[in-house]
Amino acid sequence: MQITLNGEIREIAGGATISALLLSLNLPSTRVAVEVNGDLVRRLQHETHVLLTADVVEIVTLVGGG
């Protein structure tokens, strides 16, 4: 199925969760913020939030520094 990820069309497996998407992108779930269709999805929901065809997903990586 297709989703839009950070402005680009991407093919992912049907029934994929946010956690599965992050794993496929080699991103740690502790250092990202994820928004689906304009709504922030809390980290506790990453395991259970199933992505649907045509979802618009924005992932922002958090970087520490000073």
PDB file of N, CA and C in Angstrom:
ATOM      1  N   MET A   1       0.842  -1.169   0.000  1.00  0.00           N
ATOM      2  CA  MET A   1       0.000   0.000   0.000  1.00  0.00           C
ATOM      3  C   MET A   1       0.889   1.236   0.000  1.00  0.00           C
ATOM      4  N   GLN A   2       0.304   2.358  -0.389  1.00  0.00           N
ATOM      5  CA  GLN A   2       1.081   3.591  -0.475  1.00  0.00           C
ATOM      6  C   GLN A   2       0.693   4.583   0.604  1.00  0.00           C
ATOM      7  N   ILE A   3       1.717   5.214   1.167  1.00  0.00           N
ATOM      8  CA  ILE A   3       1.516   6.324   2.087  1.00  0.00           C
ATOM      9  C   ILE A   3       2.388   7.473   1.583  1.00  0.00           C
ATOM     10  N   THR A   4       2.154   8.642   2.114  1.00  0.00           N
ATOM     11  CA  THR A   4       3.059   9.758   1.854  1.00  0.00           C
ATOM     12  C   THR A   4       3.884   9.950   3.112  1.00  0.00           C
ATOM     13  N   LEU A   5       5.190   9.827   2.974  1.00  0.00           N
ATOM     14  CA  LEU A   5       6.107   9.933   4.105  1.00  0.00           C
ATOM     15  C   LEU A   5       7.011  11.138   3.888  1.00  0.00           C
ATOM     16  N   ASN A   6       6.857  12.137   4.739  1.00  0.00           N
ATOM     17  CA  ASN A   6       7.647  13.364   4.627  1.00  0.00           C
ATOM     18  C   ASN A   6       7.634  13.909   3.200  1.00  0.00           C
ATOM     19  N   GLY A   7       6.443  13.911   2.596  1.00  0.00           N
ATOM     20  CA  GLY A   7       6.262  14.508   1.280  1.00  0.00           C
ATOM     21  C   GLY A   7       6.544  13.600   0.103  1.00  0.00           C
ATOM     22  N   GLU A   8       6.965  12.357   0.340  1.00  0.00           N
ATOM     23  CA  GLU A   8       7.268  11.429  -0.743  1.00  0.00           C
ATOM     24  C   GLU A   8       6.382  10.198  -0.660  1.00  0.00           C
ATOM     25  N   ILE A   9       5.911   9.729  -1.807  1.00  0.00           N
ATOM     26  CA  ILE A   9       5.119   8.507  -1.864  1.00  0.00           C
ATOM     27  C   ILE A   9       6.031   7.333  -1.540  1.00  0.00           C
ATOM     28  N   ARG A  10       5.551   6.467  -0.659  1.00  0.00           N
ATOM     29  CA  ARG A  10       6.347   5.294  -0.264  1.00  0.00           C
ATOM     30  C   ARG A  10       5.440   4.083  -0.200  1.00  0.00           C
ATOM     31  N   GLU A  11       5.946   2.963  -0.657  1.00  0.00           N
ATOM     32  CA  GLU A  11       5.233   1.689  -0.615  1.00  0.00           C
ATOM     33  C   GLU A  11       5.612   0.975   0.679  1.00  0.00           C
ATOM     34  N   ILE A  12       4.603   0.566   1.458  1.00  0.00           N
ATOM     35  CA  ILE A  12       4.854  -0.188   2.688  1.00  0.00           C
ATOM     36  C   ILE A  12       3.915  -1.386   2.721  1.00  0.00           C
ATOM     37  N   ALA A  13       4.193  -2.314   3.601  1.00  0.00           N
ATOM     38  CA  ALA A  13       3.359  -3.507   3.743  1.00  0.00           C
ATOM     39  C   ALA A  13       2.005  -3.132   4.339  1.00  0.00           C
ATOM     40  N   GLY A  14       0.955  -3.762   3.863  1.00  0.00           N
ATOM     41  CA  GLY A  14      -0.371  -3.552   4.423  1.00  0.00           C
ATOM     42  C   GLY A  14      -0.404  -3.965   5.879  1.00  0.00           C
ATOM     43  N   GLY A  15      -1.092  -3.193   6.703  1.00  0.00           N
ATOM     44  CA  GLY A  15      -1.199  -3.505   8.120  1.00  0.00           C
ATOM     45  C   GLY A  15      -0.003  -3.075   8.950  1.00  0.00           C
ATOM     46  N   ALA A  16       0.925  -2.332   8.341  1.00  0.00           N
ATOM     47  CA  ALA A  16       2.118  -1.897   9.066  1.00  0.00           C
ATOM     48  C   ALA A  16       1.752  -0.880  10.150  1.00  0.00           C
ATOM     49  N   THR A  17       2.418  -0.997  11.275  1.00  0.00           N
ATOM     50  CA  THR A  17       2.246  -0.032  12.361  1.00  0.00           C
ATOM     51  C   THR A  17       3.328   1.042  12.247  1.00  0.00           C
ATOM     52  N   ILE A  18       3.178   2.075  13.037  1.00  0.00           N
ATOM     53  CA  ILE A  18       4.214   3.105  13.074  1.00  0.00           C
ATOM     54  C   ILE A  18       5.534   2.493  13.535  1.00  0.00           C
ATOM     55  N   SER A  19       5.490   1.623  14.531  1.00  0.00           N
ATOM     56  CA  SER A  19       6.718   0.967  15.009  1.00  0.00           C
ATOM     57  C   SER A  19       7.404   0.202  13.887  1.00  0.00           C
ATOM     58  N   ALA A  20       6.640  -0.514  13.080  1.00  0.00           N
ATOM     59  CA  ALA A  20       7.215  -1.269  11.961  1.00  0.00           C
ATOM     60  C   ALA A  20       7.835  -0.323  10.930  1.00  0.00           C
ATOM     61  N   LEU A  21       7.167   0.787  10.680  1.00  0.00           N
ATOM     62  CA  LEU A  21       7.706   1.768   9.738  1.00  0.00           C
ATOM     63  C   LEU A  21       9.022   2.335  10.264  1.00  0.00           C
ATOM     64  N   LEU A  22       9.056   2.714  11.528  1.00  0.00           N
ATOM     65  CA  LEU A  22      10.287   3.254  12.118  1.00  0.00           C
ATOM     66  C   LEU A  22      11.410   2.228  12.057  1.00  0.00           C
ATOM     67  N   LEU A  23      11.094   0.973  12.339  1.00  0.00           N
ATOM     68  CA  LEU A  23      12.090  -0.092  12.282  1.00  0.00           C
ATOM     69  C   LEU A  23      12.643  -0.236  10.865  1.00  0.00           C
ATOM     70  N   SER A  24      11.771  -0.176   9.862  1.00  0.00           N
ATOM     71  CA  SER A  24      12.216  -0.315   8.473  1.00  0.00           C
ATOM     72  C   SER A  24      13.091   0.864   8.037  1.00  0.00           C
ATOM     73  N   LEU A  25      12.934   2.002   8.711  1.00  0.00           N
ATOM     74  CA  LEU A  25      13.732   3.187   8.404  1.00  0.00           C
ATOM     75  C   LEU A  25      14.970   3.304   9.301  1.00  0.00           C
ATOM     76  N   ASN A  26      15.164   2.313  10.180  1.00  0.00           N
ATOM     77  CA  ASN A  26      16.272   2.315  11.137  1.00  0.00           C
ATOM     78  C   ASN A  26      16.262   3.557  12.029  1.00  0.00           C
ATOM     79  N   LEU A  27      15.059   3.958  12.447  1.00  0.00           N
ATOM     80  CA  LEU A  27      14.904   5.104  13.331  1.00  0.00           C
ATOM     81  C   LEU A  27      14.487   4.633  14.719  1.00  0.00           C
ATOM     82  N   PRO A  28      15.147   5.123  15.753  1.00  0.00           N
ATOM     83  CA  PRO A  28      14.743   4.753  17.110  1.00  0.00           C
ATOM     84  C   PRO A  28      13.443   5.464  17.487  1.00  0.00           C
ATOM     85  N   SER A  29      12.525   4.753  18.068  1.00  0.00           N
ATOM     86  CA  SER A  29      11.229   5.341  18.410  1.00  0.00           C
ATOM     87  C   SER A  29      11.337   6.376  19.518  1.00  0.00           C
ATOM     88  N   THR A  30      12.444   6.381  20.233  1.00  0.00           N
ATOM     89  CA  THR A  30      12.598   7.318  21.352  1.00  0.00           C
ATOM     90  C   THR A  30      13.040   8.707  20.917  1.00  0.00           C
ATOM     91  N   ARG A  31      13.517   8.867  19.718  1.00  0.00           N
ATOM     92  CA  ARG A  31      14.039  10.166  19.283  1.00  0.00           C
ATOM     93  C   ARG A  31      13.321  10.710  18.055  1.00  0.00           C
ATOM     94  N   VAL A  32      12.047  10.383  17.925  1.00  0.00           N
ATOM     95  CA  VAL A  32      11.275  10.902  16.802  1.00  0.00           C
ATOM     96  C   VAL A  32       9.900  11.360  17.269  1.00  0.00           C
ATOM     97  N   ALA A  33       9.336  12.265  16.502  1.00  0.00           N
ATOM     98  CA  ALA A  33       7.935  12.642  16.668  1.00  0.00           C
ATOM     99  C   ALA A  33       7.235  12.230  15.382  1.00  0.00           C
ATOM    100  N   VAL A  34       6.055  11.605  15.510  1.00  0.00           N
ATOM    101  CA  VAL A  34       5.332  11.102  14.349  1.00  0.00           C
ATOM    102  C   VAL A  34       3.941  11.724  14.306  1.00  0.00           C
ATOM    103  N   GLU A  35       3.604  12.228  13.132  1.00  0.00           N
ATOM    104  CA  GLU A  35       2.290  12.811  12.894  1.00  0.00           C
ATOM    105  C   GLU A  35       1.648  12.037  11.747  1.00  0.00           C
ATOM    106  N   VAL A  36       0.392  11.654  11.918  1.00  0.00           N
ATOM    107  CA  VAL A  36      -0.342  10.958  10.863  1.00  0.00           C
ATOM    108  C   VAL A  36      -1.587  11.770  10.553  1.00  0.00           C
ATOM    109  N   ASN A  37      -1.704  12.195   9.303  1.00  0.00           N
ATOM    110  CA  ASN A  37      -2.839  12.995   8.848  1.00  0.00           C
ATOM    111  C   ASN A  37      -3.071  14.226   9.726  1.00  0.00           C
ATOM    112  N   GLY A  38      -1.962  14.847  10.131  1.00  0.00           N
ATOM    113  CA  GLY A  38      -2.040  16.077  10.900  1.00  0.00           C
ATOM    114  C   GLY A  38      -2.178  15.903  12.394  1.00  0.00           C
ATOM    115  N   ASP A  39      -2.274  14.666  12.876  1.00  0.00           N
ATOM    116  CA  ASP A  39      -2.422  14.407  14.315  1.00  0.00           C
ATOM    117  C   ASP A  39      -1.157  13.748  14.865  1.00  0.00           C
ATOM    118  N   LEU A  40      -0.658  14.289  15.968  1.00  0.00           N
ATOM    119  CA  LEU A  40       0.497  13.703  16.625  1.00  0.00           C
ATOM    120  C   LEU A  40       0.109  12.351  17.214  1.00  0.00           C
ATOM    121  N   VAL A  41       0.937  11.338  16.985  1.00  0.00           N
ATOM    122  CA  VAL A  41       0.704  10.002  17.550  1.00  0.00           C
ATOM    123  C   VAL A  41       1.732   9.794  18.647  1.00  0.00           C
ATOM    124  N   ARG A  42       1.238   9.616  19.859  1.00  0.00           N
ATOM    125  CA  ARG A  42       2.130   9.435  21.012  1.00  0.00           C
ATOM    126  C   ARG A  42       2.929   8.149  20.891  1.00  0.00           C
ATOM    127  N   ARG A  43       4.116   8.164  21.474  1.00  0.00           N
ATOM    128  CA  ARG A  43       5.022   7.012  21.398  1.00  0.00           C
ATOM    129  C   ARG A  43       4.357   5.734  21.901  1.00  0.00           C
ATOM    130  N   LEU A  44       3.536   5.840  22.938  1.00  0.00           N
ATOM    131  CA  LEU A  44       2.855   4.660  23.472  1.00  0.00           C
ATOM    132  C   LEU A  44       1.901   4.022  22.468  1.00  0.00           C
ATOM    133  N   GLN A  45       1.501   4.763  21.452  1.00  0.00           N
ATOM    134  CA  GLN A  45       0.573   4.256  20.438  1.00  0.00           C
ATOM    135  C   GLN A  45       1.279   3.750  19.181  1.00  0.00           C
ATOM    136  N   HIS A  46       2.592   3.903  19.093  1.00  0.00           N
ATOM    137  CA  HIS A  46       3.317   3.488  17.888  1.00  0.00           C
ATOM    138  C   HIS A  46       3.148   1.998  17.589  1.00  0.00           C
ATOM    139  N   GLU A  47       3.092   1.176  18.623  1.00  0.00           N
ATOM    140  CA  GLU A  47       2.958  -0.287  18.436  1.00  0.00           C
ATOM    141  C   GLU A  47       1.585  -0.676  17.893  1.00  0.00           C
ATOM    142  N   THR A  48       0.565   0.108  18.201  1.00  0.00           N
ATOM    143  CA  THR A  48      -0.807  -0.280  17.855  1.00  0.00           C
ATOM    144  C   THR A  48      -1.425   0.543  16.742  1.00  0.00           C
ATOM    145  N   HIS A  49      -0.817   1.674  16.393  1.00  0.00           N
ATOM    146  CA  HIS A  49      -1.402   2.530  15.350  1.00  0.00           C
ATOM    147  C   HIS A  49      -1.077   1.941  13.977  1.00  0.00           C
ATOM    148  N   VAL A  50      -2.094   1.380  13.329  1.00  0.00           N
ATOM    149  CA  VAL A  50      -1.929   0.772  12.014  1.00  0.00           C
ATOM    150  C   VAL A  50      -2.094   1.845  10.941  1.00  0.00           C
ATOM    151  N   LEU A  51      -1.140   1.888  10.030  1.00  0.00           N
ATOM    152  CA  LEU A  51      -1.198   2.849   8.935  1.00  0.00           C
ATOM    153  C   LEU A  51      -2.133   2.348   7.845  1.00  0.00           C
ATOM    154  N   LEU A  52      -2.817   3.286   7.203  1.00  0.00           N
ATOM    155  CA  LEU A  52      -3.781   2.964   6.158  1.00  0.00           C
ATOM    156  C   LEU A  52      -3.332   3.553   4.827  1.00  0.00           C
ATOM    157  N   THR A  53      -3.839   3.005   3.739  1.00  0.00           N
ATOM    158  CA  THR A  53      -3.540   3.522   2.416  1.00  0.00           C
ATOM    159  C   THR A  53      -3.864   5.013   2.362  1.00  0.00           C
ATOM    160  N   ALA A  54      -2.961   5.769   1.781  1.00  0.00           N
ATOM    161  CA  ALA A  54      -3.085   7.215   1.575  1.00  0.00           C
ATOM    162  C   ALA A  54      -2.862   8.043   2.832  1.00  0.00           C
ATOM    163  N   ASP A  55      -2.452   7.416   3.952  1.00  0.00           N
ATOM    164  CA  ASP A  55      -2.094   8.205   5.131  1.00  0.00           C
ATOM    165  C   ASP A  55      -0.931   9.134   4.788  1.00  0.00           C
ATOM    166  N   VAL A  56      -0.939  10.305   5.403  1.00  0.00           N
ATOM    167  CA  VAL A  56       0.155  11.259   5.256  1.00  0.00           C
ATOM    168  C   VAL A  56       0.906  11.254   6.581  1.00  0.00           C
ATOM    169  N   VAL A  57       2.153  10.787   6.527  1.00  0.00           N
ATOM    170  CA  VAL A  57       2.968  10.609   7.729  1.00  0.00           C
ATOM    171  C   VAL A  57       4.139  11.587   7.685  1.00  0.00           C
ATOM    172  N   GLU A  58       4.327  12.281   8.780  1.00  0.00           N
ATOM    173  CA  GLU A  58       5.494  13.159   8.930  1.00  0.00           C
ATOM    174  C   GLU A  58       6.295  12.639  10.119  1.00  0.00           C
ATOM    175  N   ILE A  59       7.583  12.424   9.902  1.00  0.00           N
ATOM    176  CA  ILE A  59       8.474  11.977  10.971  1.00  0.00           C
ATOM    177  C   ILE A  59       9.562  13.025  11.136  1.00  0.00           C
ATOM    178  N   VAL A  60       9.692  13.493  12.367  1.00  0.00           N
ATOM    179  CA  VAL A  60      10.729  14.471  12.686  1.00  0.00           C
ATOM    180  C   VAL A  60      11.699  13.813  13.658  1.00  0.00           C
ATOM    181  N   THR A  61      12.972  13.839  13.317  1.00  0.00           N
ATOM    182  CA  THR A  61      14.002  13.272  14.176  1.00  0.00           C
ATOM    183  C   THR A  61      14.471  14.325  15.156  1.00  0.00           C
ATOM    184  N   LEU A  62      14.529  13.963  16.420  1.00  0.00           N
ATOM    185  CA  LEU A  62      14.987  14.880  17.457  1.00  0.00           C
ATOM    186  C   LEU A  62      16.494  14.741  17.615  1.00  0.00           C
ATOM    187  N   VAL A  63      17.172  15.873  17.631  1.00  0.00           N
ATOM    188  CA  VAL A  63      18.624  15.881  17.735  1.00  0.00           C
ATOM    189  C   VAL A  63      19.008  16.747  18.924  1.00  0.00           C
ATOM    190  N   GLY A  64      19.850  16.194  19.785  1.00  0.00           N
ATOM    191  CA  GLY A  64      20.323  16.954  20.937  1.00  0.00           C
ATOM    192  C   GLY A  64      21.504  17.828  20.569  1.00  0.00           C
ATOM    193  N   GLY A  65      21.714  18.820  21.339  1.00  0.00           N
ATOM    194  CA  GLY A  65      22.857  19.697  21.089  1.00  0.00           C
ATOM    195  C   GLY A  65      22.784  20.918  21.969  1.00  0.00           C
ATOM    196  N   GLY A  66      23.718  21.797  21.794  1.00  0.00           N
ATOM    197  CA  GLY A  66      23.703  22.954  22.660  1.00  0.00           C
ATOM    198  C   GLY A  66      24.185  24.194  22.030  1.00  0.00           C
TER     199      GLY A  66
END
